[in-house]
C-alpha atoms as a PDB file:
ATOM      1  CA  MET A   1     154.742  39.524 124.481  1.00  0.00           C
ATOM      2  CA  ASP A   2     157.545  39.082 121.928  1.00  0.00           C
ATOM      3  CA  GLY A   3     160.853  40.607 122.904  1.00  0.00           C
ATOM      4  CA  HIS A   4     161.259  42.458 119.598  1.00  0.00           C
ATOM      5  CA  ASN A   5     158.149  44.540 120.357  1.00  0.00           C
ATOM      6  CA  LEU A   6     159.602  45.838 123.626  1.00  0.00           C
ATOM      7  CA  THR A   7     161.668  48.738 122.347  1.00  0.00           C
ATOM      8  CA  THR A   8     162.588  52.130 123.717  1.00  0.00           C
ATOM      9  CA  PRO A   9     161.457  54.721 121.155  1.00  0.00           C
ATOM     10  CA  ASP A  10     163.929  57.401 120.058  1.00  0.00           C
ATOM     11  CA  GLU A  11     161.104  59.906 119.886  1.00  0.00           C
ATOM     12  CA  PHE A  12     157.387  60.245 120.451  1.00  0.00           C
ATOM     13  CA  ILE A  13     154.721  61.613 118.137  1.00  0.00           C
ATOM     14  CA  LEU A  14     152.350  64.061 119.808  1.00  0.00           C
ATOM     15  CA  VAL A  15     148.793  64.129 118.450  1.00  0.00           C
ATOM     16  CA  GLY A  16     148.815  67.911 118.927  1.00  0.00           C
ATOM     17  CA  LEU A  17     145.938  70.358 119.006  1.00  0.00           C
ATOM     18  CA  THR A  18     144.420  69.916 115.548  1.00  0.00           C
ATOM     19  CA  ASP A  19     144.874  68.081 112.258  1.00  0.00           C
ATOM     20  CA  LEU A  20     143.651  71.047 110.203  1.00  0.00           C
ATOM     21  CA  PRO A  21     146.589  72.794 108.427  1.00  0.00           C
ATOM     22  CA  GLN A  22     144.673  76.063 108.047  1.00  0.00           C
ATOM     23  CA  LEU A  23     144.502  76.423 111.841  1.00  0.00           C
ATOM     24  CA  GLN A  24     148.253  76.017 112.442  1.00  0.00           C
ATOM     25  CA  ALA A  25     149.190  79.652 111.770  1.00  0.00           C
ATOM     26  CA  PRO A  26     146.357  81.211 113.858  1.00  0.00           C
ATOM     27  CA  LEU A  27     147.071  78.807 116.740  1.00  0.00           C
ATOM     28  CA  PHE A  28     150.778  79.575 116.596  1.00  0.00           C
ATOM     29  CA  GLY A  29     150.122  83.325 116.714  1.00  0.00           C
ATOM     30  CA  PHE A  30     147.561  83.075 119.511  1.00  0.00           C
ATOM     31  CA  PHE A  31     149.627  80.830 121.781  1.00  0.00           C
ATOM     32  CA  LEU A  32     152.805  82.791 121.099  1.00  0.00           C
ATOM     33  CA  ILE A  33     151.029  85.922 122.377  1.00  0.00           C
ATOM     34  CA  VAL A  34     149.656  83.993 125.386  1.00  0.00           C
ATOM     35  CA  TYR A  35     153.045  82.543 126.277  1.00  0.00           C
ATOM     36  CA  MET A  36     154.916  85.847 125.841  1.00  0.00           C
ATOM     37  CA  ALA A  37     152.313  87.606 127.996  1.00  0.00           C
ATOM     38  CA  SER A  38     152.829  84.893 130.634  1.00  0.00           C
ATOM     39  CA  VAL A  39     156.623  85.326 130.547  1.00  0.00           C
ATOM     40  CA  VAL A  40     156.469  89.122 130.733  1.00  0.00           C
ATOM     41  CA  GLY A  41     153.788  89.128 133.456  1.00  0.00           C
ATOM     42  CA  ASN A  42     155.397  86.540 135.708  1.00  0.00           C
ATOM     43  CA  LEU A  43     158.947  87.849 135.277  1.00  0.00           C
ATOM     44  CA  GLY A  44     157.608  91.323 135.988  1.00  0.00           C
ATOM     45  CA  LEU A  45     155.965  90.121 139.219  1.00  0.00           C
ATOM     46  CA  ILE A  46     159.138  88.303 140.284  1.00  0.00           C
ATOM     47  CA  LEU A  47     161.284  91.405 139.738  1.00  0.00           C
ATOM     48  CA  LEU A  48     158.724  93.793 141.219  1.00  0.00           C
ATOM     49  CA  THR A  49     158.248  91.812 144.432  1.00  0.00           C
ATOM     50  CA  LYS A  50     162.015  91.411 144.711  1.00  0.00           C
ATOM     51  CA  VAL A  51     163.127  95.029 144.308  1.00  0.00           C
ATOM     52  CA  ASP A  52     160.238  97.137 145.631  1.00  0.00           C
ATOM     53  CA  PRO A  53     160.817  97.826 149.362  1.00  0.00           C
ATOM     54  CA  ARG A  54     157.071  98.057 150.068  1.00  0.00           C
ATOM     55  CA  LEU A  55     156.449  94.546 148.766  1.00  0.00           C
ATOM     56  CA  GLN A  56     158.856  92.826 151.171  1.00  0.00           C
ATOM     57  CA  THR A  57     156.111  91.031 153.109  1.00  0.00           C
ATOM     58  CA  PRO A  58     155.179  87.324 153.370  1.00  0.00           C
ATOM     59  CA  MET A  59     152.216  87.817 151.016  1.00  0.00           C
ATOM     60  CA  TYR A  60     154.454  89.013 148.188  1.00  0.00           C
ATOM     61  CA  PHE A  61     157.146  86.483 149.052  1.00  0.00           C
ATOM     62  CA  PHE A  62     154.607  83.760 148.255  1.00  0.00           C
ATOM     63  CA  LEU A  63     153.378  85.676 145.213  1.00  0.00           C
ATOM     64  CA  ARG A  64     156.932  85.743 143.847  1.00  0.00           C
ATOM     65  CA  HIS A  65     157.151  81.959 144.139  1.00  0.00           C
ATOM     66  CA  LEU A  66     153.687  81.561 142.598  1.00  0.00           C
ATOM     67  CA  ALA A  67     154.884  83.617 139.612  1.00  0.00           C
ATOM     68  CA  PHE A  68     158.051  81.496 139.365  1.00  0.00           C
ATOM     69  CA  THR A  69     155.957  78.304 139.464  1.00  0.00           C
ATOM     70  CA  ASP A  70     153.566  79.611 136.788  1.00  0.00           C
ATOM     71  CA  LEU A  71     156.521  80.529 134.616  1.00  0.00           C
ATOM     72  CA  GLY A  72     158.037  77.090 135.224  1.00  0.00           C
ATOM     73  CA  TYR A  73     155.203  74.850 134.091  1.00  0.00           C
ATOM     74  CA  SER A  74     154.132  77.089 131.203  1.00  0.00           C
ATOM     75  CA  THR A  75     157.748  77.053 129.951  1.00  0.00           C
ATOM     76  CA  ALA A  76     157.907  73.265 130.328  1.00  0.00           C
ATOM     77  CA  VAL A  77     155.090  72.989 127.770  1.00  0.00           C
ATOM     78  CA  GLY A  78     154.794  76.238 125.792  1.00  0.00           C
ATOM     79  CA  PRO A  79     158.050  76.597 123.788  1.00  0.00           C
ATOM     80  CA  LYS A  80     158.086  72.989 122.555  1.00  0.00           C
ATOM     81  CA  MET A  81     154.411  73.204 121.604  1.00  0.00           C
ATOM     82  CA  LEU A  82     155.078  76.417 119.652  1.00  0.00           C
ATOM     83  CA  ILE A  83     158.073  74.856 117.867  1.00  0.00           C
ATOM     84  CA  ASN A  84     155.980  71.847 116.850  1.00  0.00           C
ATOM     85  CA  ILE A  85     153.137  74.022 115.574  1.00  0.00           C
ATOM     86  CA  GLY A  86     155.565  76.268 113.678  1.00  0.00           C
ATOM     87  CA  LYS A  87     157.353  73.332 112.046  1.00  0.00           C
ATOM     88  CA  ASN A  88     154.115  71.352 111.627  1.00  0.00           C
ATOM     89  CA  GLN A  89     156.059  68.389 112.998  1.00  0.00           C
ATOM     90  CA  GLN A  90     154.511  66.916 116.134  1.00  0.00           C
ATOM     91  CA  THR A  91     157.517  65.040 117.544  1.00  0.00           C
ATOM     92  CA  ILE A  92     159.453  65.124 120.802  1.00  0.00           C
ATOM     93  CA  SER A  93     162.629  63.208 121.623  1.00  0.00           C
ATOM     94  CA  TYR A  94     162.642  60.496 124.297  1.00  0.00           C
ATOM     95  CA  ASN A  95     164.946  62.476 126.618  1.00  0.00           C
ATOM     96  CA  TRP A  96     163.103  65.770 126.158  1.00  0.00           C
ATOM     97  CA  CYS A  97     159.791  64.009 126.828  1.00  0.00           C
ATOM     98  CA  ALA A  98     161.156  62.754 130.166  1.00  0.00           C
ATOM     99  CA  THR A  99     162.546  66.226 130.968  1.00  0.00           C
ATOM    100  CA  GLN A 100     159.284  67.961 130.065  1.00  0.00           C
ATOM    101  CA  LEU A 101     157.236  65.591 132.225  1.00  0.00           C
ATOM    102  CA  THR A 102     159.660  66.007 135.147  1.00  0.00           C
ATOM    103  CA  PHE A 103     159.415  69.797 135.245  1.00  0.00           C
ATOM    104  CA  PHE A 104     155.706  69.901 134.479  1.00  0.00           C
ATOM    105  CA  ILE A 105     154.792  67.566 137.354  1.00  0.00           C
ATOM    106  CA  MET A 106     157.154  69.357 139.742  1.00  0.00           C
ATOM    107  CA  PHE A 107     155.778  72.833 139.053  1.00  0.00           C
ATOM    108  CA  ILE A 108     152.099  71.864 138.880  1.00  0.00           C
ATOM    109  CA  ILE A 109     152.306  70.081 142.258  1.00  0.00           C
ATOM    110  CA  ASN A 110     154.213  73.021 143.705  1.00  0.00           C
ATOM    111  CA  GLU A 111     151.452  75.376 142.521  1.00  0.00           C
ATOM    112  CA  VAL A 112     148.730  73.793 144.659  1.00  0.00           C
ATOM    113  CA  PHE A 113     150.815  73.993 147.838  1.00  0.00           C
ATOM    114  CA  ILE A 114     151.993  77.564 147.178  1.00  0.00           C
ATOM    115  CA  LEU A 115     148.327  78.537 146.795  1.00  0.00           C
ATOM    116  CA  SER A 116     147.483  76.820 150.101  1.00  0.00           C
ATOM    117  CA  ALA A 117     150.425  78.576 151.822  1.00  0.00           C
ATOM    118  CA  MET A 118     149.057  81.877 150.534  1.00  0.00           C
ATOM    119  CA  ALA A 119     145.629  81.004 151.981  1.00  0.00           C
ATOM    120  CA  TYR A 120     147.226  80.337 155.376  1.00  0.00           C
ATOM    121  CA  ASP A 121     149.083  83.658 155.124  1.00  0.00           C
ATOM    122  CA  ARG A 122     145.791  85.494 154.498  1.00  0.00           C
ATOM    123  CA  TYR A 123     144.209  83.665 157.463  1.00  0.00           C
ATOM    124  CA  VAL A 124     146.967  84.820 159.814  1.00  0.00           C
ATOM    125  CA  ALA A 125     146.848  88.391 158.438  1.00  0.00           C
ATOM    126  CA  ILE A 126     143.100  88.746 159.024  1.00  0.00           C
ATOM    127  CA  CYS A 127     142.469  86.544 162.066  1.00  0.00           C
ATOM    128  CA  ASN A 128     145.690  87.308 163.989  1.00  0.00           C
ATOM    129  CA  PRO A 129     146.812  90.730 162.721  1.00  0.00           C
ATOM    130  CA  LEU A 130     148.693  91.665 165.894  1.00  0.00           C
ATOM    131  CA  LEU A 131     150.772  88.481 165.763  1.00  0.00           C
ATOM    132  CA  TYR A 132     151.149  88.422 161.978  1.00  0.00           C
ATOM    133  CA  THR A 133     154.820  89.390 161.830  1.00  0.00           C
ATOM    134  CA  VAL A 134     155.634  86.976 164.662  1.00  0.00           C
ATOM    135  CA  ILE A 135     153.791  83.976 163.196  1.00  0.00           C
ATOM    136  CA  MET A 136     154.714  84.589 159.545  1.00  0.00           C
ATOM    137  CA  SER A 137     158.418  84.856 160.240  1.00  0.00           C
ATOM    138  CA  GLN A 138     161.003  84.671 157.481  1.00  0.00           C
ATOM    139  CA  TRP A 139     161.910  81.169 158.654  1.00  0.00           C
ATOM    140  CA  LEU A 140     158.317  79.899 158.429  1.00  0.00           C
ATOM    141  CA  CYS A 141     157.799  81.462 154.998  1.00  0.00           C
ATOM    142  CA  GLU A 142     160.933  79.785 153.682  1.00  0.00           C
ATOM    143  CA  VAL A 143     159.840  76.422 155.122  1.00  0.00           C
ATOM    144  CA  LEU A 144     156.352  76.764 153.586  1.00  0.00           C
ATOM    145  CA  VAL A 145     158.034  77.269 150.203  1.00  0.00           C
ATOM    146  CA  ALA A 146     160.980  74.868 150.514  1.00  0.00           C
ATOM    147  CA  VAL A 147     158.917  71.839 151.580  1.00  0.00           C
ATOM    148  CA  PRO A 148     156.631  71.954 148.493  1.00  0.00           C
ATOM    149  CA  TYR A 149     159.663  72.338 146.191  1.00  0.00           C
ATOM    150  CA  LEU A 150     161.386  69.300 147.740  1.00  0.00           C
ATOM    151  CA  TYR A 151     158.202  67.225 147.885  1.00  0.00           C
ATOM    152  CA  SER A 152     157.177  68.045 144.295  1.00  0.00           C
ATOM    153  CA  ALA A 153     160.698  67.333 142.994  1.00  0.00           C
ATOM    154  CA  PHE A 154     160.717  63.952 144.771  1.00  0.00           C
ATOM    155  CA  LEU A 155     157.273  62.981 143.481  1.00  0.00           C
ATOM    156  CA  SER A 156     158.095  64.187 139.975  1.00  0.00           C
ATOM    157  CA  LEU A 157     161.312  62.147 139.805  1.00  0.00           C
ATOM    158  CA  LEU A 158     159.568  59.095 141.271  1.00  0.00           C
ATOM    159  CA  THR A 159     156.822  59.230 138.628  1.00  0.00           C
ATOM    160  CA  VAL A 160     159.165  59.855 135.693  1.00  0.00           C
ATOM    161  CA  ILE A 161     161.658  57.168 136.736  1.00  0.00           C
ATOM    162  CA  LYS A 162     158.848  54.631 137.156  1.00  0.00           C
ATOM    163  CA  ILE A 163     157.489  55.410 133.666  1.00  0.00           C
ATOM    164  CA  PHE A 164     160.745  55.692 131.743  1.00  0.00           C
ATOM    165  CA  THR A 165     162.356  52.589 133.274  1.00  0.00           C
ATOM    166  CA  SER A 166     159.325  50.521 132.221  1.00  0.00           C
ATOM    167  CA  LEU A 167     159.011  48.652 128.918  1.00  0.00           C
ATOM    168  CA  PHE A 168     157.324  50.353 125.974  1.00  0.00           C
ATOM    169  CA  CYS A 169     155.403  48.250 123.461  1.00  0.00           C
ATOM    170  CA  GLY A 170     156.957  49.928 120.437  1.00  0.00           C
ATOM    171  CA  HIS A 171     154.073  52.383 120.008  1.00  0.00           C
ATOM    172  CA  ASN A 172     155.144  56.021 120.211  1.00  0.00           C
ATOM    173  CA  VAL A 173     151.987  58.087 119.581  1.00  0.00           C
ATOM    174  CA  ILE A 174     151.015  60.202 122.612  1.00  0.00           C
ATOM    175  CA  ARG A 175     147.402  61.346 122.580  1.00  0.00           C
ATOM    176  CA  HIS A 176     148.195  64.808 123.881  1.00  0.00           C
ATOM    177  CA  PHE A 177     150.029  67.996 122.886  1.00  0.00           C
ATOM    178  CA  TYR A 178     152.736  67.446 125.534  1.00  0.00           C
ATOM    179  CA  CYS A 179     154.220  64.505 127.446  1.00  0.00           C
ATOM    180  CA  ASP A 180     151.759  63.734 130.226  1.00  0.00           C
ATOM    181  CA  SER A 181     151.914  60.748 132.552  1.00  0.00           C
ATOM    182  CA  LEU A 182     148.627  58.989 131.734  1.00  0.00           C
ATOM    183  CA  PRO A 183     149.034  59.038 127.906  1.00  0.00           C
ATOM    184  CA  LEU A 184     152.588  57.721 128.385  1.00  0.00           C
ATOM    185  CA  ILE A 185     151.405  54.937 130.704  1.00  0.00           C
ATOM    186  CA  SER A 186     149.020  53.733 127.971  1.00  0.00           C
ATOM    187  CA  LEU A 187     152.097  53.002 125.803  1.00  0.00           C
ATOM    188  CA  LEU A 188     153.713  50.688 128.365  1.00  0.00           C
ATOM    189  CA  CYS A 189     153.765  46.898 128.077  1.00  0.00           C
ATOM    190  CA  SER A 190     154.968  46.168 131.598  1.00  0.00           C
ATOM    191  CA  ASP A 191     152.596  46.074 134.566  1.00  0.00           C
ATOM    192  CA  THR A 192     151.312  49.612 135.181  1.00  0.00           C
ATOM    193  CA  LEU A 193     149.340  48.975 138.384  1.00  0.00           C
ATOM    194  CA  GLU A 194     152.075  50.309 140.687  1.00  0.00           C
ATOM    195  CA  ILE A 195     152.648  53.574 138.800  1.00  0.00           C
ATOM    196  CA  LYS A 196     148.885  54.135 138.411  1.00  0.00           C
ATOM    197  CA  LEU A 197     148.435  53.677 142.167  1.00  0.00           C
ATOM    198  CA  ILE A 198     151.299  56.100 142.879  1.00  0.00           C
ATOM    199  CA  ILE A 199     149.726  58.733 140.633  1.00  0.00           C
ATOM    200  CA  LEU A 200     146.209  58.160 141.991  1.00  0.00           C
ATOM    201  CA  ILE A 201     147.165  58.196 145.680  1.00  0.00           C
ATOM    202  CA  PHE A 202     149.505  61.185 145.506  1.00  0.00           C
ATOM    203  CA  SER A 203     147.176  63.162 143.201  1.00  0.00           C
ATOM    204  CA  ALA A 204     144.292  62.634 145.623  1.00  0.00           C
ATOM    205  CA  PHE A 205     146.504  63.579 148.581  1.00  0.00           C
ATOM    206  CA  ASN A 206     147.821  66.716 146.857  1.00  0.00           C
ATOM    207  CA  LEU A 207     144.390  67.917 145.795  1.00  0.00           C
ATOM    208  CA  VAL A 208     142.530  67.112 149.015  1.00  0.00           C
ATOM    209  CA  SER A 209     145.203  68.327 151.459  1.00  0.00           C
ATOM    210  CA  SER A 210     145.869  71.614 149.646  1.00  0.00           C
ATOM    211  CA  LEU A 211     142.176  72.326 149.085  1.00  0.00           C
ATOM    212  CA  LEU A 212     141.392  71.499 152.713  1.00  0.00           C
ATOM    213  CA  ILE A 213     143.938  74.086 153.877  1.00  0.00           C
ATOM    214  CA  VAL A 214     142.387  76.657 151.524  1.00  0.00           C
ATOM    215  CA  LEU A 215     138.787  75.902 152.581  1.00  0.00           C
ATOM    216  CA  VAL A 216     139.528  75.897 156.327  1.00  0.00           C
ATOM    217  CA  SER A 217     141.574  79.104 156.038  1.00  0.00           C
ATOM    218  CA  TYR A 218     138.853  80.937 154.144  1.00  0.00           C
ATOM    219  CA  PHE A 219     136.075  79.624 156.382  1.00  0.00           C
ATOM    220  CA  LEU A 220     137.887  81.102 159.391  1.00  0.00           C
ATOM    221  CA  ILE A 221     138.573  84.293 157.421  1.00  0.00           C
ATOM    222  CA  PHE A 222     134.887  84.742 156.539  1.00  0.00           C
ATOM    223  CA  VAL A 223     133.847  84.076 160.156  1.00  0.00           C
ATOM    224  CA  ALA A 224     136.333  86.728 161.331  1.00  0.00           C
ATOM    225  CA  ILE A 225     135.136  89.211 158.705  1.00  0.00           C
ATOM    226  CA  LEU A 226     131.469  88.727 159.617  1.00  0.00           C
ATOM    227  CA  ARG A 227     132.345  89.486 163.244  1.00  0.00           C
ATOM    228  CA  MET A 228     133.911  92.832 162.334  1.00  0.00           C
ATOM    229  CA  ASN A 229     131.861  95.842 163.383  1.00  0.00           C
ATOM    230  CA  SER A 230     133.306  98.226 160.826  1.00  0.00           C
ATOM    231  CA  ALA A 231     132.067  98.069 157.228  1.00  0.00           C
ATOM    232  CA  GLN A 232     135.347  99.658 156.157  1.00  0.00           C
ATOM    233  CA  GLY A 233     137.269  96.940 157.987  1.00  0.00           C
ATOM    234  CA  ARG A 234     135.230  94.210 156.274  1.00  0.00           C
ATOM    235  CA  ALA A 235     135.789  95.798 152.865  1.00  0.00           C
ATOM    236  CA  LYS A 236     139.535  96.064 153.479  1.00  0.00           C
ATOM    237  CA  ALA A 237     139.714  92.421 154.637  1.00  0.00           C
ATOM    238  CA  PHE A 238     137.835  91.232 151.548  1.00  0.00           C
ATOM    239  CA  SER A 239     140.079  93.297 149.272  1.00  0.00           C
ATOM    240  CA  THR A 240     143.226  91.637 150.658  1.00  0.00           C
ATOM    241  CA  CYS A 241     141.793  88.230 149.731  1.00  0.00           C
ATOM    242  CA  ALA A 242     140.162  89.126 146.400  1.00  0.00           C
ATOM    243  CA  SER A 243     143.120  88.414 144.112  1.00  0.00           C
ATOM    244  CA  HIS A 244     144.016  85.137 145.794  1.00  0.00           C
ATOM    245  CA  LEU A 245     140.394  83.973 145.838  1.00  0.00           C
ATOM    246  CA  THR A 246     140.095  84.694 142.108  1.00  0.00           C
ATOM    247  CA  VAL A 247     143.281  82.720 141.358  1.00  0.00           C
ATOM    248  CA  ILE A 248     142.078  79.839 143.576  1.00  0.00           C
ATOM    249  CA  ALA A 249     138.663  79.734 141.864  1.00  0.00           C
ATOM    250  CA  VAL A 250     140.174  79.670 138.354  1.00  0.00           C
ATOM    251  CA  PHE A 251     142.858  77.065 139.141  1.00  0.00           C
ATOM    252  CA  TYR A 252     140.789  74.597 141.167  1.00  0.00           C
ATOM    253  CA  GLY A 253     137.760  75.133 138.927  1.00  0.00           C
ATOM    254  CA  THR A 254     139.818  73.980 135.948  1.00  0.00           C
ATOM    255  CA  LEU A 255     141.176  70.942 137.824  1.00  0.00           C
ATOM    256  CA  PHE A 256     137.696  69.909 138.958  1.00  0.00           C
ATOM    257  CA  PHE A 257     136.359  70.379 135.420  1.00  0.00           C
ATOM    258  CA  MET A 258     139.012  67.915 134.200  1.00  0.00           C
ATOM    259  CA  TYR A 259     138.936  65.273 136.910  1.00  0.00           C
ATOM    260  CA  VAL A 260     135.521  65.380 138.590  1.00  0.00           C
ATOM    261  CA  GLN A 261     133.240  65.300 135.536  1.00  0.00           C
ATOM    262  CA  PRO A 262     131.458  61.962 134.864  1.00  0.00           C
ATOM    263  CA  GLN A 263     133.494  59.418 132.904  1.00  0.00           C
ATOM    264  CA  SER A 264     130.799  59.262 130.201  1.00  0.00           C
ATOM    265  CA  SER A 265     131.198  62.972 129.437  1.00  0.00           C
ATOM    266  CA  HIS A 266     135.010  62.825 129.149  1.00  0.00           C
ATOM    267  CA  SER A 267     136.429  63.452 125.702  1.00  0.00           C
ATOM    268  CA  PHE A 268     139.936  63.841 124.385  1.00  0.00           C
ATOM    269  CA  ASP A 269     139.192  67.291 122.942  1.00  0.00           C
ATOM    270  CA  THR A 270     137.638  68.499 126.219  1.00  0.00           C
ATOM    271  CA  ASP A 271     140.656  67.352 128.210  1.00  0.00           C
ATOM    272  CA  LYS A 272     142.994  69.048 125.724  1.00  0.00           C
ATOM    273  CA  MET A 273     141.153  72.359 126.068  1.00  0.00           C
ATOM    274  CA  ALA A 274     141.228  72.141 129.867  1.00  0.00           C
ATOM    275  CA  SER A 275     144.946  71.246 129.762  1.00  0.00           C
ATOM    276  CA  LEU A 276     145.636  74.217 127.490  1.00  0.00           C
ATOM    277  CA  PHE A 277     143.835  76.458 129.937  1.00  0.00           C
ATOM    278  CA  TYR A 278     145.822  75.473 133.017  1.00  0.00           C
ATOM    279  CA  THR A 279     149.201  75.056 131.275  1.00  0.00           C
ATOM    280  CA  LEU A 280     149.223  78.315 129.286  1.00  0.00           C
ATOM    281  CA  VAL A 281     146.221  80.543 130.018  1.00  0.00           C
ATOM    282  CA  ILE A 282     146.244  80.433 133.845  1.00  0.00           C
ATOM    283  CA  PRO A 283     149.966  81.397 134.064  1.00  0.00           C
ATOM    284  CA  MET A 284     149.093  84.394 131.878  1.00  0.00           C
ATOM    285  CA  LEU A 285     145.995  85.325 133.913  1.00  0.00           C
ATOM    286  CA  ASN A 286     147.540  85.159 137.406  1.00  0.00           C
ATOM    287  CA  PRO A 287     149.896  88.164 136.994  1.00  0.00           C
ATOM    288  CA  MET A 288     147.029  90.126 135.425  1.00  0.00           C
ATOM    289  CA  ILE A 289     144.710  89.316 138.332  1.00  0.00           C
ATOM    290  CA  TYR A 290     147.289  90.451 140.888  1.00  0.00           C
ATOM    291  CA  SER A 291     148.208  93.525 138.837  1.00  0.00           C
ATOM    292  CA  PHE A 292     144.668  94.768 138.270  1.00  0.00           C
ATOM    293  CA  ARG A 293     143.062  93.809 141.587  1.00  0.00           C
ATOM    294  CA  ASN A 294     145.903  94.572 143.999  1.00  0.00           C
ATOM    295  CA  LYS A 295     146.596  98.199 144.889  1.00  0.00           C
ATOM    296  CA  ASP A 296     150.063  97.495 146.293  1.00  0.00           C
ATOM    297  CA  VAL A 297     151.180  95.822 143.055  1.00  0.00           C
ATOM    298  CA  LYS A 298     149.652  98.597 140.934  1.00  0.00           C
ATOM    299  CA  ASN A 299     151.372 101.254 143.020  1.00  0.00           C
ATOM    300  CA  ALA A 300     154.695  99.393 142.897  1.00  0.00           C
ATOM    301  CA  LEU A 301     154.375  99.055 139.124  1.00  0.00           C
ATOM    302  CA  HIS A 302     153.615 102.770 138.850  1.00  0.00           C
ATOM    303  CA  ARG A 303     156.648 103.644 140.986  1.00  0.00           C
ATOM    304  CA  SER A 304     158.887 101.364 138.922  1.00  0.00           C
ATOM    305  CA  CYS A 305     157.667 102.851 135.638  1.00  0.00           C
ATOM    306  CA  LYS A 306     158.197 106.360 137.017  1.00  0.00           C
ATOM    307  CA  THR A 307     161.746 105.473 138.140  1.00  0.00           C
ATOM    308  CA  CYS A 308     162.551 103.985 134.721  1.00  0.00           C
ATOM    309  CA  ALA A 309     161.167 107.074 132.984  1.00  0.00           C
ATOM    310  CA  ASN A 310     163.327 109.345 135.145  1.00  0.00           C
ATOM    311  CA  LEU A 311     166.399 107.252 134.396  1.00  0.00           C
ATOM    312  CA  VAL A 312     165.722 107.477 130.660  1.00  0.00           C
ATOM    313  CA  LYS A 313     165.312 111.280 130.877  1.00  0.00           C
ATOM    314  CA  ASN A 314     168.555 111.674 132.786  1.00  0.00           C
END
């Protein structure tokens, strides 16, 4: 390979969502609404679970960090995508591309382990209710959150450093609407085997380990529920898991749709739609699921609205 072809691009060109100019305005409006709903919903959950005294339990501690994670990876992608659609200029600078990829990988990895921590929390609450406050101590909850943050930050930096210290061939067109690792790797001229192995091994570990925790937790939960004599007790146990189960089904369902479908059925447009769903739509849906399906959150929201109304009157 000639040396003059090995250049570091000043910016990348993102293929974007569509080439049709007439769709730019509707897409901008739709995704602006989706992103704003995500910001309002997740910030609302963060504030609500922080200030409401009745939501100071491990379950809502994890929910607060889930909302922060959702807000993090949707913000890593959403604003830049909206700016590009609004300007009809699908470019991203070299440094911002690296920054976007860093935060996106960190938050998306963190999401899977926060969801698995929440599954473990539900297992303890239903299978060991008398020891719940002892087992799910403040120290354990903080560890179950801190370890994923540190691990995801390490893995994110490792991936980004490996990619952005490699040699680019001079091509700068990314076949995606944001900077993702695999489209970037396709632009590299240097040997990509090591970085591909890192991504493959850690992605498999993250998905399998987190999903295993979720599946084992819910298997034990369902066994415990089936052993309950009271129908009211079974209904209450199911209701405490309903929101989390819905979030789990949507999130992992989307990931499996992207990565487990046969290679022959893969298409760029299909992958883009799935990526849009888990980068922007899921962070909007999660606060809605917890708001509409969780009585504690609905009651806390009602109390907060009532307090605000009283303050305005006074």
